[in-house]
Protein backbone atom coordinates (compact mmCIF):
# COMPACT_ATOMS: atom_id res chain seq x y z
CA MET A 1 -23.55 28.43 152.62
CA GLU A 2 -25.93 27.03 149.99
CA GLN A 3 -27.84 23.77 150.61
CA THR A 4 -25.99 21.92 147.68
CA GLU A 5 -22.75 23.07 149.36
CA ILE A 6 -23.56 21.53 152.75
CA GLN A 7 -25.06 18.40 151.24
CA ASP A 8 -21.48 18.03 149.36
CA GLU A 9 -19.49 18.53 152.58
CA GLU A 10 -21.90 15.93 154.43
CA TRP A 11 -21.55 13.57 151.42
CA ALA A 12 -17.67 13.91 151.28
CA GLN A 13 -17.51 13.27 155.18
CA ASP A 14 -19.76 10.12 154.86
CA TRP A 15 -17.77 8.91 152.11
CA ASN A 16 -14.59 9.44 153.81
CA ILE A 17 -15.96 7.45 156.89
CA ILE A 18 -16.78 4.51 154.19
CA VAL A 19 -13.06 4.86 152.76
CA ARG A 20 -11.86 4.41 156.42
CA ILE A 21 -13.79 1.38 157.02
CA TYR A 22 -12.53 -0.23 154.10
CA ASP A 23 -8.87 0.59 155.00
CA THR A 24 -9.66 -0.80 158.26
CA ILE A 25 -10.88 -4.00 157.04
CA ASP A 26 -7.74 -4.29 154.84
CA GLN A 27 -5.96 -3.80 158.05
CA LEU A 28 -7.54 -6.58 159.63
CA ARG A 29 -6.99 -8.86 156.87
CA THR A 30 -3.18 -8.13 157.14
CA LEU A 31 -3.16 -8.80 160.80
CA PHE A 32 -5.12 -11.95 160.51
CA SER A 33 -2.76 -13.36 157.69
CA GLU A 34 0.32 -12.97 160.38
CA LEU A 35 -1.42 -15.07 162.77
CA ASP A 36 -0.59 -18.91 162.94
CA VAL A 37 -3.83 -20.19 163.80
CA PRO A 38 -5.76 -23.56 163.18
CA TYR A 39 -7.67 -24.01 160.01
CA LEU A 40 -11.19 -23.33 161.86
CA ARG A 41 -9.89 -20.00 163.20
CA GLU A 42 -8.69 -18.95 159.83
CA ILE A 43 -12.14 -19.65 158.20
CA GLN A 44 -13.82 -17.60 161.07
CA GLN A 45 -11.67 -14.80 160.34
CA LYS A 46 -12.47 -15.15 156.66
CA LEU A 47 -16.01 -15.11 157.48
CA LEU A 48 -15.78 -12.23 159.76
CA ILE A 49 -13.78 -10.21 156.96
CA LEU A 50 -16.51 -11.24 154.36
CA ASN A 51 -19.38 -10.10 156.67
CA LEU A 52 -17.43 -6.74 157.41
CA GLU A 53 -17.23 -6.20 153.64
CA LYS A 54 -20.71 -7.13 152.99
CA TYR A 55 -21.76 -4.50 155.80
CA ALA A 56 -19.36 -1.83 154.51
CA TRP A 57 -20.95 -2.35 150.84
CA SER A 58 -24.60 -1.85 152.22
CA LEU A 59 -23.29 1.20 153.99
CA GLN A 60 -21.88 2.44 150.85
CA ASN A 61 -24.86 1.95 148.73
CA TYR A 62 -26.92 3.55 151.63
CA ILE A 63 -24.97 6.69 151.25
CA ILE A 64 -24.98 6.79 147.48
CA GLU A 65 -28.96 6.35 147.62
CA LYS A 66 -29.24 8.88 150.51
CA TYR A 67 -27.48 11.66 148.57
CA SER A 68 -28.82 10.72 145.10
CA LYS A 69 -32.54 11.37 146.34
CA GLU A 70 -31.68 14.84 147.88
């Protein structure tokens, strides 16, 4: 197997994980919306989702940068 093919496979695996992370964040958002909690809890949930999205975005950028250099 050529180096390029190995790199393409690794990129596909990493990208699949990123997609699964975003799917999990969407699932959490859905689950949180089903809860009847006080306003401050809702704000905490939204903040948690926002931070998870920011982290996933940074991972996504890291993956793009990692494979664009090689």
